[in-house]
């Protein structure tokens, strides 16, 4: 029938996940003293936990501009073919009162989406593989790995509508033992 690649396998690409990205976490950076209500500068590093190898780094400085704290990031993105881009990205920080006292720090997403500034208040910013700038998961259309995993119990119920009906009617005892062993019992809890 169809030629090579005409089947459904690979008919869609999975979304990129936040787990694939370099992540800036405002709460953690505040606890580490990187985010503060004063000027300052330093370096951040990412390390591969399996090999303890340093995989990425960036320099930062904190500036006070019009009574707002701005975190300025400086880093280099290297593409395949060794094409390097020096990036200087300014990120405005926000605070809100914390329920337990003090204040909670947030990033203001600096990216443009569909020609408009995002300006979303977020706790994390991401730099996906192949990306140049840090932005929120909404701008990069990121998801979580756990959202892309399938649940065998749900697949089982899709293939066995009689089991789904029995579950809704509370007749789990009427199902064959083999269906219960496949995990339907766990679904009914």
C-alpha atoms as a PDB file:
ATOM      1  CA  UNK A   1       0.000   0.000   0.000  1.00  0.00           C
ATOM      2  CA  UNK A   2       1.799   3.121   1.250  1.00  0.00           C
ATOM      3  CA  UNK A   3       5.462   3.823   0.859  1.00  0.00           C
ATOM      4  CA  UNK A   4       8.117   4.130   3.504  1.00  0.00           C
ATOM      5  CA  UNK A   5       6.985   6.199   6.489  1.00  0.00           C
ATOM      6  CA  UNK A   6       3.306   6.115   5.506  1.00  0.00           C
ATOM      7  CA  UNK A   7       2.163   4.278   8.632  1.00  0.00           C
ATOM      8  CA  UNK A   8       0.933   5.847  11.850  1.00  0.00           C
ATOM      9  CA  UNK A   9       4.130   5.175  13.772  1.00  0.00           C
ATOM     10  CA  UNK A  10       5.808   8.479  14.386  1.00  0.00           C
ATOM     11  CA  UNK A  11       2.762  10.405  13.167  1.00  0.00           C
ATOM     12  CA  UNK A  12       3.355  13.005  15.845  1.00  0.00           C
ATOM     13  CA  UNK A  13       6.360  14.304  17.676  1.00  0.00           C
ATOM     14  CA  UNK A  14       6.401  14.248  21.436  1.00  0.00           C
ATOM     15  CA  UNK A  15       6.598  17.641  23.054  1.00  0.00           C
ATOM     16  CA  UNK A  16       9.824  18.704  24.656  1.00  0.00           C
ATOM     17  CA  UNK A  17       9.816  18.225  28.412  1.00  0.00           C
ATOM     18  CA  UNK A  18      10.979  20.424  31.261  1.00  0.00           C
ATOM     19  CA  UNK A  19      13.275  17.578  32.320  1.00  0.00           C
ATOM     20  CA  UNK A  20      15.294  18.060  29.090  1.00  0.00           C
ATOM     21  CA  UNK A  21      15.924  21.748  29.833  1.00  0.00           C
ATOM     22  CA  UNK A  22      18.319  23.787  31.907  1.00  0.00           C
ATOM     23  CA  UNK A  23      16.148  25.207  34.697  1.00  0.00           C
ATOM     24  CA  UNK A  24      16.267  28.369  36.778  1.00  0.00           C
ATOM     25  CA  UNK A  25      14.176  28.049  39.953  1.00  0.00           C
ATOM     26  CA  UNK A  26      13.409  31.394  41.646  1.00  0.00           C
ATOM     27  CA  UNK A  27      12.775  29.813  45.061  1.00  0.00           C
ATOM     28  CA  UNK A  28      16.037  27.870  45.046  1.00  0.00           C
ATOM     29  CA  UNK A  29      18.000  30.854  43.768  1.00  0.00           C
ATOM     30  CA  UNK A  30      16.520  32.988  46.575  1.00  0.00           C
ATOM     31  CA  UNK A  31      17.516  30.369  49.195  1.00  0.00           C
ATOM     32  CA  UNK A  32      21.027  30.256  47.674  1.00  0.00           C
ATOM     33  CA  UNK A  33      21.337  34.074  47.842  1.00  0.00           C
ATOM     34  CA  UNK A  34      21.422  34.557  44.058  1.00  0.00           C
ATOM     35  CA  UNK A  35      18.091  36.406  44.080  1.00  0.00           C
ATOM     36  CA  UNK A  36      18.011  39.275  46.580  1.00  0.00           C
ATOM     37  CA  UNK A  37      16.882  42.874  46.987  1.00  0.00           C
ATOM     38  CA  UNK A  38      20.414  44.178  46.363  1.00  0.00           C
ATOM     39  CA  UNK A  39      23.053  44.331  43.661  1.00  0.00           C
ATOM     40  CA  UNK A  40      25.541  41.518  43.232  1.00  0.00           C
ATOM     41  CA  UNK A  41      27.007  39.020  40.790  1.00  0.00           C
ATOM     42  CA  UNK A  42      28.290  35.478  40.492  1.00  0.00           C
ATOM     43  CA  UNK A  43      28.128  32.213  38.561  1.00  0.00           C
ATOM     44  CA  UNK A  44      25.669  29.321  38.276  1.00  0.00           C
ATOM     45  CA  UNK A  45      26.639  25.790  37.199  1.00  0.00           C
ATOM     46  CA  UNK A  46      24.692  22.726  36.097  1.00  0.00           C
ATOM     47  CA  UNK A  47      26.183  19.322  36.813  1.00  0.00           C
ATOM     48  CA  UNK A  48      25.374  15.862  35.465  1.00  0.00           C
ATOM     49  CA  UNK A  49      24.455  13.997  38.665  1.00  0.00           C
ATOM     50  CA  UNK A  50      25.513  10.631  37.235  1.00  0.00           C
ATOM     51  CA  UNK A  51      29.019  11.669  36.170  1.00  0.00           C
ATOM     52  CA  UNK A  52      29.518  14.771  38.349  1.00  0.00           C
ATOM     53  CA  UNK A  53      30.613  16.533  35.142  1.00  0.00           C
ATOM     54  CA  UNK A  54      29.838  20.249  34.757  1.00  0.00           C
ATOM     55  CA  UNK A  55      27.520  20.576  31.751  1.00  0.00           C
ATOM     56  CA  UNK A  56      26.636  24.278  31.637  1.00  0.00           C
ATOM     57  CA  UNK A  57      27.299  27.575  33.381  1.00  0.00           C
ATOM     58  CA  UNK A  58      26.267  31.203  33.253  1.00  0.00           C
ATOM     59  CA  UNK A  59      27.321  34.454  34.812  1.00  0.00           C
ATOM     60  CA  UNK A  60      24.737  36.667  36.447  1.00  0.00           C
ATOM     61  CA  UNK A  61      24.436  40.106  37.958  1.00  0.00           C
ATOM     62  CA  UNK A  62      21.634  41.686  39.965  1.00  0.00           C
ATOM     63  CA  UNK A  63      20.723  45.255  39.194  1.00  0.00           C
ATOM     64  CA  UNK A  64      18.155  47.629  40.666  1.00  0.00           C
ATOM     65  CA  UNK A  65      16.286  49.397  37.838  1.00  0.00           C
ATOM     66  CA  UNK A  66      13.322  51.690  38.703  1.00  0.00           C
ATOM     67  CA  UNK A  67      12.912  49.978  42.105  1.00  0.00           C
ATOM     68  CA  UNK A  68      12.787  46.557  40.428  1.00  0.00           C
ATOM     69  CA  UNK A  69      15.359  43.798  40.770  1.00  0.00           C
ATOM     70  CA  UNK A  70      16.659  42.657  37.384  1.00  0.00           C
ATOM     71  CA  UNK A  71      18.684  39.461  37.019  1.00  0.00           C
ATOM     72  CA  UNK A  72      21.026  39.797  34.042  1.00  0.00           C
ATOM     73  CA  UNK A  73      22.225  36.469  32.625  1.00  0.00           C
ATOM     74  CA  UNK A  74      25.333  36.151  30.455  1.00  0.00           C
ATOM     75  CA  UNK A  75      26.098  32.868  28.732  1.00  0.00           C
ATOM     76  CA  UNK A  76      27.121  31.359  25.412  1.00  0.00           C
ATOM     77  CA  UNK A  77      24.955  28.978  23.413  1.00  0.00           C
ATOM     78  CA  UNK A  78      26.870  26.734  21.027  1.00  0.00           C
ATOM     79  CA  UNK A  79      25.020  25.122  18.141  1.00  0.00           C
ATOM     80  CA  UNK A  80      25.959  22.124  16.081  1.00  0.00           C
ATOM     81  CA  UNK A  81      28.753  23.110  13.790  1.00  0.00           C
ATOM     82  CA  UNK A  82      30.333  25.057  16.662  1.00  0.00           C
ATOM     83  CA  UNK A  83      28.421  28.259  15.877  1.00  0.00           C
ATOM     84  CA  UNK A  84      28.431  30.224  19.158  1.00  0.00           C
ATOM     85  CA  UNK A  85      26.064  32.979  20.288  1.00  0.00           C
ATOM     86  CA  UNK A  86      26.865  35.226  23.252  1.00  0.00           C
ATOM     87  CA  UNK A  87      23.624  35.925  25.116  1.00  0.00           C
ATOM     88  CA  UNK A  88      22.904  38.812  27.494  1.00  0.00           C
ATOM     89  CA  UNK A  89      19.371  38.352  28.858  1.00  0.00           C
ATOM     90  CA  UNK A  90      17.648  40.577  31.423  1.00  0.00           C
ATOM     91  CA  UNK A  91      14.916  39.038  33.586  1.00  0.00           C
ATOM     92  CA  UNK A  92      12.732  41.199  35.824  1.00  0.00           C
ATOM     93  CA  UNK A  93      12.001  39.693  39.250  1.00  0.00           C
ATOM     94  CA  UNK A  94       8.788  40.073  41.242  1.00  0.00           C
ATOM     95  CA  UNK A  95       7.872  39.360  44.843  1.00  0.00           C
ATOM     96  CA  UNK A  96       4.655  38.416  46.600  1.00  0.00           C
ATOM     97  CA  UNK A  97       4.043  38.052  50.333  1.00  0.00           C
ATOM     98  CA  UNK A  98       4.575  34.494  51.558  1.00  0.00           C
ATOM     99  CA  UNK A  99       1.900  32.798  53.671  1.00  0.00           C
ATOM    100  CA  UNK A 100       4.567  31.903  56.239  1.00  0.00           C
ATOM    101  CA  UNK A 101       6.128  35.361  56.393  1.00  0.00           C
ATOM    102  CA  UNK A 102       8.746  37.022  54.258  1.00  0.00           C
ATOM    103  CA  UNK A 103       8.386  37.166  50.501  1.00  0.00           C
ATOM    104  CA  UNK A 104       8.352  34.778  47.591  1.00  0.00           C
ATOM    105  CA  UNK A 105      10.426  35.523  44.485  1.00  0.00           C
ATOM    106  CA  UNK A 106       9.165  35.087  40.923  1.00  0.00           C
ATOM    107  CA  UNK A 107      10.547  35.560  37.428  1.00  0.00           C
ATOM    108  CA  UNK A 108       8.763  37.627  34.807  1.00  0.00           C
ATOM    109  CA  UNK A 109       8.974  35.626  31.578  1.00  0.00           C
ATOM    110  CA  UNK A 110      11.001  37.775  29.159  1.00  0.00           C
ATOM    111  CA  UNK A 111      10.013  36.037  25.909  1.00  0.00           C
ATOM    112  CA  UNK A 112       7.823  37.267  23.101  1.00  0.00           C
ATOM    113  CA  UNK A 113       5.016  34.957  22.021  1.00  0.00           C
ATOM    114  CA  UNK A 114       2.968  35.707  18.918  1.00  0.00           C
ATOM    115  CA  UNK A 115       4.478  39.185  18.844  1.00  0.00           C
ATOM    116  CA  UNK A 116       3.515  40.064  22.439  1.00  0.00           C
ATOM    117  CA  UNK A 117       5.556  40.068  25.615  1.00  0.00           C
ATOM    118  CA  UNK A 118       4.651  37.096  27.766  1.00  0.00           C
ATOM    119  CA  UNK A 119       5.330  38.814  31.126  1.00  0.00           C
ATOM    120  CA  UNK A 120       3.878  35.774  32.937  1.00  0.00           C
ATOM    121  CA  UNK A 121       4.843  35.501  36.622  1.00  0.00           C
ATOM    122  CA  UNK A 122       6.522  32.089  36.989  1.00  0.00           C
ATOM    123  CA  UNK A 123       8.662  30.281  39.522  1.00  0.00           C
ATOM    124  CA  UNK A 124      10.808  28.546  36.893  1.00  0.00           C
ATOM    125  CA  UNK A 125      12.382  29.487  33.584  1.00  0.00           C
ATOM    126  CA  UNK A 126      13.697  26.946  31.091  1.00  0.00           C
ATOM    127  CA  UNK A 127      16.326  26.839  28.366  1.00  0.00           C
ATOM    128  CA  UNK A 128      15.359  23.920  26.105  1.00  0.00           C
ATOM    129  CA  UNK A 129      17.857  22.058  23.915  1.00  0.00           C
ATOM    130  CA  UNK A 130      18.403  24.212  20.843  1.00  0.00           C
ATOM    131  CA  UNK A 131      16.985  27.310  22.577  1.00  0.00           C
ATOM    132  CA  UNK A 132      18.822  30.595  23.020  1.00  0.00           C
ATOM    133  CA  UNK A 133      16.868  32.325  25.777  1.00  0.00           C
ATOM    134  CA  UNK A 134      15.310  31.348  29.089  1.00  0.00           C
ATOM    135  CA  UNK A 135      11.513  31.437  29.113  1.00  0.00           C
ATOM    136  CA  UNK A 136       8.478  29.914  30.779  1.00  0.00           C
ATOM    137  CA  UNK A 137       7.136  26.470  29.885  1.00  0.00           C
ATOM    138  CA  UNK A 138       4.063  28.058  28.310  1.00  0.00           C
ATOM    139  CA  UNK A 139       6.095  30.036  25.783  1.00  0.00           C
ATOM    140  CA  UNK A 140       8.160  26.960  24.897  1.00  0.00           C
ATOM    141  CA  UNK A 141       5.081  24.670  24.976  1.00  0.00           C
ATOM    142  CA  UNK A 142       6.865  22.311  27.366  1.00  0.00           C
ATOM    143  CA  UNK A 143       5.277  19.388  29.168  1.00  0.00           C
ATOM    144  CA  UNK A 144       6.406  16.929  31.841  1.00  0.00           C
ATOM    145  CA  UNK A 145       7.768  13.426  31.180  1.00  0.00           C
ATOM    146  CA  UNK A 146       5.055  11.976  33.401  1.00  0.00           C
ATOM    147  CA  UNK A 147       2.385  13.435  31.082  1.00  0.00           C
ATOM    148  CA  UNK A 148       3.782  11.439  28.170  1.00  0.00           C
ATOM    149  CA  UNK A 149       3.734   8.089  29.921  1.00  0.00           C
ATOM    150  CA  UNK A 150       0.823   5.731  29.380  1.00  0.00           C
ATOM    151  CA  UNK A 151      -1.144   4.022  32.138  1.00  0.00           C
ATOM    152  CA  UNK A 152      -1.611   0.292  31.463  1.00  0.00           C
ATOM    153  CA  UNK A 153      -4.840   0.294  33.486  1.00  0.00           C
ATOM    154  CA  UNK A 154      -6.381   2.947  31.248  1.00  0.00           C
ATOM    155  CA  UNK A 155      -5.257   1.071  28.117  1.00  0.00           C
ATOM    156  CA  UNK A 156      -6.813  -2.098  29.517  1.00  0.00           C
ATOM    157  CA  UNK A 157     -10.139  -0.355  30.144  1.00  0.00           C
ATOM    158  CA  UNK A 158     -10.161   1.093  26.623  1.00  0.00           C
ATOM    159  CA  UNK A 159      -9.714  -2.379  25.151  1.00  0.00           C
ATOM    160  CA  UNK A 160     -12.294  -3.984  27.470  1.00  0.00           C
ATOM    161  CA  UNK A 161     -15.413  -1.786  27.669  1.00  0.00           C
ATOM    162  CA  UNK A 162     -17.247  -4.518  29.609  1.00  0.00           C
ATOM    163  CA  UNK A 163     -14.702  -4.137  32.385  1.00  0.00           C
ATOM    164  CA  UNK A 164     -15.271  -0.377  32.405  1.00  0.00           C
ATOM    165  CA  UNK A 165     -19.028  -0.859  32.684  1.00  0.00           C
ATOM    166  CA  UNK A 166     -18.595  -3.357  35.521  1.00  0.00           C
ATOM    167  CA  UNK A 167     -16.350  -0.884  37.285  1.00  0.00           C
ATOM    168  CA  UNK A 168     -18.887   1.939  36.988  1.00  0.00           C
ATOM    169  CA  UNK A 169     -21.698  -0.318  38.170  1.00  0.00           C
ATOM    170  CA  UNK A 170     -19.661  -1.581  41.101  1.00  0.00           C
ATOM    171  CA  UNK A 171     -19.731  -5.176  39.816  1.00  0.00           C
ATOM    172  CA  UNK A 172     -15.992  -5.798  40.065  1.00  0.00           C
ATOM    173  CA  UNK A 173     -16.739  -9.244  41.557  1.00  0.00           C
ATOM    174  CA  UNK A 174     -18.390 -10.272  38.263  1.00  0.00           C
ATOM    175  CA  UNK A 175     -15.192  -9.778  36.265  1.00  0.00           C
ATOM    176  CA  UNK A 176     -12.929 -12.717  35.448  1.00  0.00           C
ATOM    177  CA  UNK A 177      -9.967 -13.117  37.794  1.00  0.00           C
ATOM    178  CA  UNK A 178      -7.525 -12.509  34.928  1.00  0.00           C
ATOM    179  CA  UNK A 179      -8.908  -8.983  34.496  1.00  0.00           C
ATOM    180  CA  UNK A 180      -8.505  -8.298  38.195  1.00  0.00           C
ATOM    181  CA  UNK A 181      -4.934  -9.522  38.051  1.00  0.00           C
ATOM    182  CA  UNK A 182      -4.198  -7.063  35.243  1.00  0.00           C
ATOM    183  CA  UNK A 183      -4.685  -4.182  37.629  1.00  0.00           C
ATOM    184  CA  UNK A 184      -8.380  -3.402  37.396  1.00  0.00           C
ATOM    185  CA  UNK A 185      -8.620  -3.914  41.132  1.00  0.00           C
ATOM    186  CA  UNK A 186      -6.203  -1.018  41.619  1.00  0.00           C
ATOM    187  CA  UNK A 187      -8.391   1.205  39.411  1.00  0.00           C
ATOM    188  CA  UNK A 188     -11.488   0.595  41.523  1.00  0.00           C
ATOM    189  CA  UNK A 189      -9.898   1.805  44.789  1.00  0.00           C
END
